[in-house]
Amino acid sequence: MSDPVEKLRILLVPYNKEPEVVEIEHKLENVQALVGGMLEVVPVGDGVDVWCNEEFLMLYEAQPNRVVQHVGGYPVQIHGPFFVARTNDDGDTVSLTDTDVAKYSRVYRL
């Protein structure tokens, strides 16, 4: 019998739409499907990361979805859909807290 797959509660930020809380099975193919390809992480601080498609701009040449503030202090244009998740002390991606959801829903609203 295999171990049950952990659920991951994230904030999905679709292109040109309001953020929404979703819960998915924490599997690589599921998170890649959300962003449409290869994953890239942008740390935004306080143990929270933005996950996006590292190739989206090269593949689709779309207008930016949002601009996020990298923990290093510089802005990063995100093209295409992305999601926000938390990282624990071991470096694992984990679910957002209610406080995270409230904060980043405001930060990334249109």
C-alpha atoms as a PDB file:
ATOM      1  CA  MET A   1       0.000   0.000   0.000  1.00  0.00           C
ATOM      2  CA  SER A   2       1.379   3.420  -0.895  1.00  0.00           C
ATOM      3  CA  ASP A   3       1.439   6.433   1.403  1.00  0.00           C
ATOM      4  CA  PRO A   4      -1.440   8.880   0.976  1.00  0.00           C
ATOM      5  CA  VAL A   5      -0.576  11.993  -1.012  1.00  0.00           C
ATOM      6  CA  GLU A   6      -0.467  15.160   1.066  1.00  0.00           C
ATOM      7  CA  LYS A   7      -2.845  17.966   0.186  1.00  0.00           C
ATOM      8  CA  LEU A   8      -1.362  21.398  -0.445  1.00  0.00           C
ATOM      9  CA  ARG A   9      -3.402  24.575   0.137  1.00  0.00           C
ATOM     10  CA  ILE A  10      -2.104  27.345  -2.105  1.00  0.00           C
ATOM     11  CA  LEU A  11      -3.144  30.671  -3.570  1.00  0.00           C
ATOM     12  CA  LEU A  12      -3.484  30.386  -7.340  1.00  0.00           C
ATOM     13  CA  VAL A  13      -3.091  33.642  -9.287  1.00  0.00           C
ATOM     14  CA  PRO A  14      -4.426  33.079 -12.823  1.00  0.00           C
ATOM     15  CA  TYR A  15      -3.518  35.444 -15.630  1.00  0.00           C
ATOM     16  CA  ASN A  16      -5.641  38.596 -15.423  1.00  0.00           C
ATOM     17  CA  LYS A  17      -7.985  37.149 -12.758  1.00  0.00           C
ATOM     18  CA  GLU A  18      -8.344  37.454  -9.005  1.00  0.00           C
ATOM     19  CA  PRO A  19      -6.372  35.067  -6.754  1.00  0.00           C
ATOM     20  CA  GLU A  20      -8.174  31.988  -5.490  1.00  0.00           C
ATOM     21  CA  VAL A  21      -7.436  29.437  -2.784  1.00  0.00           C
ATOM     22  CA  VAL A  22      -7.131  25.902  -4.129  1.00  0.00           C
ATOM     23  CA  GLU A  23      -6.215  22.591  -2.570  1.00  0.00           C
ATOM     24  CA  ILE A  24      -4.312  20.091  -4.693  1.00  0.00           C
ATOM     25  CA  GLU A  25      -2.512  16.819  -4.208  1.00  0.00           C
ATOM     26  CA  HIS A  26       1.121  17.688  -3.536  1.00  0.00           C
ATOM     27  CA  LYS A  27       2.620  16.018  -6.608  1.00  0.00           C
ATOM     28  CA  LEU A  28       5.061  17.483  -9.123  1.00  0.00           C
ATOM     29  CA  GLU A  29       2.786  16.951 -12.121  1.00  0.00           C
ATOM     30  CA  ASN A  30      -0.068  18.798 -10.366  1.00  0.00           C
ATOM     31  CA  VAL A  31       1.938  21.909  -9.553  1.00  0.00           C
ATOM     32  CA  GLN A  32       3.528  21.957 -13.017  1.00  0.00           C
ATOM     33  CA  ALA A  33       0.047  21.791 -14.559  1.00  0.00           C
ATOM     34  CA  LEU A  34      -0.992  24.883 -12.584  1.00  0.00           C
ATOM     35  CA  VAL A  35       1.761  27.003 -14.145  1.00  0.00           C
ATOM     36  CA  GLY A  36       1.867  25.254 -17.513  1.00  0.00           C
ATOM     37  CA  GLY A  37       5.363  23.801 -17.398  1.00  0.00           C
ATOM     38  CA  MET A  38       8.756  23.922 -15.719  1.00  0.00           C
ATOM     39  CA  LEU A  39       8.765  25.379 -12.214  1.00  0.00           C
ATOM     40  CA  GLU A  40      10.736  28.367 -11.007  1.00  0.00           C
ATOM     41  CA  VAL A  41      10.571  29.693  -7.461  1.00  0.00           C
ATOM     42  CA  VAL A  42      10.751  33.355  -6.449  1.00  0.00           C
ATOM     43  CA  PRO A  43      11.144  33.851  -2.686  1.00  0.00           C
ATOM     44  CA  VAL A  44       9.014  36.779  -1.518  1.00  0.00           C
ATOM     45  CA  GLY A  45       9.839  36.683   2.208  1.00  0.00           C
ATOM     46  CA  ASP A  46       8.619  35.345   5.537  1.00  0.00           C
ATOM     47  CA  GLY A  47       8.911  31.748   4.318  1.00  0.00           C
ATOM     48  CA  VAL A  48       6.580  32.346   1.377  1.00  0.00           C
ATOM     49  CA  ASP A  49       7.435  31.655  -2.270  1.00  0.00           C
ATOM     50  CA  VAL A  50       5.866  32.367  -5.638  1.00  0.00           C
ATOM     51  CA  TRP A  51       5.997  29.424  -8.057  1.00  0.00           C
ATOM     52  CA  CYS A  52       5.778  30.157 -11.787  1.00  0.00           C
ATOM     53  CA  ASN A  53       6.673  28.741 -15.204  1.00  0.00           C
ATOM     54  CA  GLU A  54      10.313  29.532 -15.921  1.00  0.00           C
ATOM     55  CA  GLU A  55       9.734  29.386 -19.680  1.00  0.00           C
ATOM     56  CA  PHE A  56       6.389  31.173 -19.989  1.00  0.00           C
ATOM     57  CA  LEU A  57       7.739  34.418 -21.433  1.00  0.00           C
ATOM     58  CA  MET A  58       9.942  32.632 -23.970  1.00  0.00           C
ATOM     59  CA  LEU A  59       7.125  30.344 -25.063  1.00  0.00           C
ATOM     60  CA  TYR A  60       4.176  32.696 -25.164  1.00  0.00           C
ATOM     61  CA  GLU A  61       5.470  36.282 -25.075  1.00  0.00           C
ATOM     62  CA  ALA A  62       2.460  37.274 -22.977  1.00  0.00           C
ATOM     63  CA  GLN A  63       1.999  40.481 -21.044  1.00  0.00           C
ATOM     64  CA  PRO A  64       3.026  40.174 -17.382  1.00  0.00           C
ATOM     65  CA  ASN A  65       0.436  38.734 -15.018  1.00  0.00           C
ATOM     66  CA  ARG A  66       1.771  40.484 -11.906  1.00  0.00           C
ATOM     67  CA  VAL A  67       4.975  41.977 -10.562  1.00  0.00           C
ATOM     68  CA  VAL A  68       6.207  40.355  -7.354  1.00  0.00           C
ATOM     69  CA  GLN A  69       8.779  41.689  -4.933  1.00  0.00           C
ATOM     70  CA  HIS A  70      11.748  39.296  -4.594  1.00  0.00           C
ATOM     71  CA  VAL A  71      13.106  38.887  -1.072  1.00  0.00           C
ATOM     72  CA  GLY A  72      16.300  40.505  -2.411  1.00  0.00           C
ATOM     73  CA  GLY A  73      14.380  43.746  -2.883  1.00  0.00           C
ATOM     74  CA  TYR A  74      13.969  43.801  -6.649  1.00  0.00           C
ATOM     75  CA  PRO A  75      10.763  43.419  -8.688  1.00  0.00           C
ATOM     76  CA  VAL A  76      10.188  40.325 -10.834  1.00  0.00           C
ATOM     77  CA  GLN A  77       7.629  40.254 -13.653  1.00  0.00           C
ATOM     78  CA  ILE A  78       5.659  37.006 -13.613  1.00  0.00           C
ATOM     79  CA  HIS A  79       4.181  35.933 -16.942  1.00  0.00           C
ATOM     80  CA  GLY A  80       1.309  33.470 -16.909  1.00  0.00           C
ATOM     81  CA  PRO A  81      -0.370  31.856 -13.933  1.00  0.00           C
ATOM     82  CA  PHE A  82       1.506  31.356 -10.676  1.00  0.00           C
ATOM     83  CA  PHE A  83       0.826  30.174  -7.165  1.00  0.00           C
ATOM     84  CA  VAL A  84       1.896  31.136  -3.676  1.00  0.00           C
ATOM     85  CA  ALA A  85       2.954  28.520  -1.103  1.00  0.00           C
ATOM     86  CA  ARG A  86       4.872  28.405   2.171  1.00  0.00           C
ATOM     87  CA  THR A  87       8.239  26.726   2.817  1.00  0.00           C
ATOM     88  CA  ASN A  88       8.908  25.081   6.185  1.00  0.00           C
ATOM     89  CA  ASP A  89      12.189  25.061   8.120  1.00  0.00           C
ATOM     90  CA  ASP A  90      13.284  21.880   6.291  1.00  0.00           C
ATOM     91  CA  GLY A  91      12.840  23.584   2.892  1.00  0.00           C
ATOM     92  CA  ASP A  92       9.690  21.630   2.005  1.00  0.00           C
ATOM     93  CA  THR A  93       6.764  23.308   0.272  1.00  0.00           C
ATOM     94  CA  VAL A  94       3.749  23.342   2.575  1.00  0.00           C
ATOM     95  CA  SER A  95       0.257  24.829   2.764  1.00  0.00           C
ATOM     96  CA  LEU A  96      -0.386  28.505   3.340  1.00  0.00           C
ATOM     97  CA  THR A  97      -1.756  29.682   6.657  1.00  0.00           C
ATOM     98  CA  ASP A  98      -4.992  31.676   6.876  1.00  0.00           C
ATOM     99  CA  THR A  99      -2.864  34.776   7.518  1.00  0.00           C
ATOM    100  CA  ASP A 100      -0.824  34.096   4.364  1.00  0.00           C
ATOM    101  CA  VAL A 101      -3.982  33.672   2.287  1.00  0.00           C
ATOM    102  CA  ALA A 102      -5.417  36.966   3.546  1.00  0.00           C
ATOM    103  CA  LYS A 103      -2.160  38.867   2.985  1.00  0.00           C
ATOM    104  CA  TYR A 104      -1.287  37.559  -0.482  1.00  0.00           C
ATOM    105  CA  SER A 105      -4.881  37.714  -1.710  1.00  0.00           C
ATOM    106  CA  ARG A 106      -4.621  41.467  -1.071  1.00  0.00           C
ATOM    107  CA  VAL A 107      -1.096  41.794  -2.472  1.00  0.00           C
ATOM    108  CA  TYR A 108      -1.913  40.053  -5.770  1.00  0.00           C
ATOM    109  CA  ARG A 109      -5.475  41.227  -6.382  1.00  0.00           C
ATOM    110  CA  LEU A 110      -6.108  43.147  -9.600  1.00  0.00           C
END
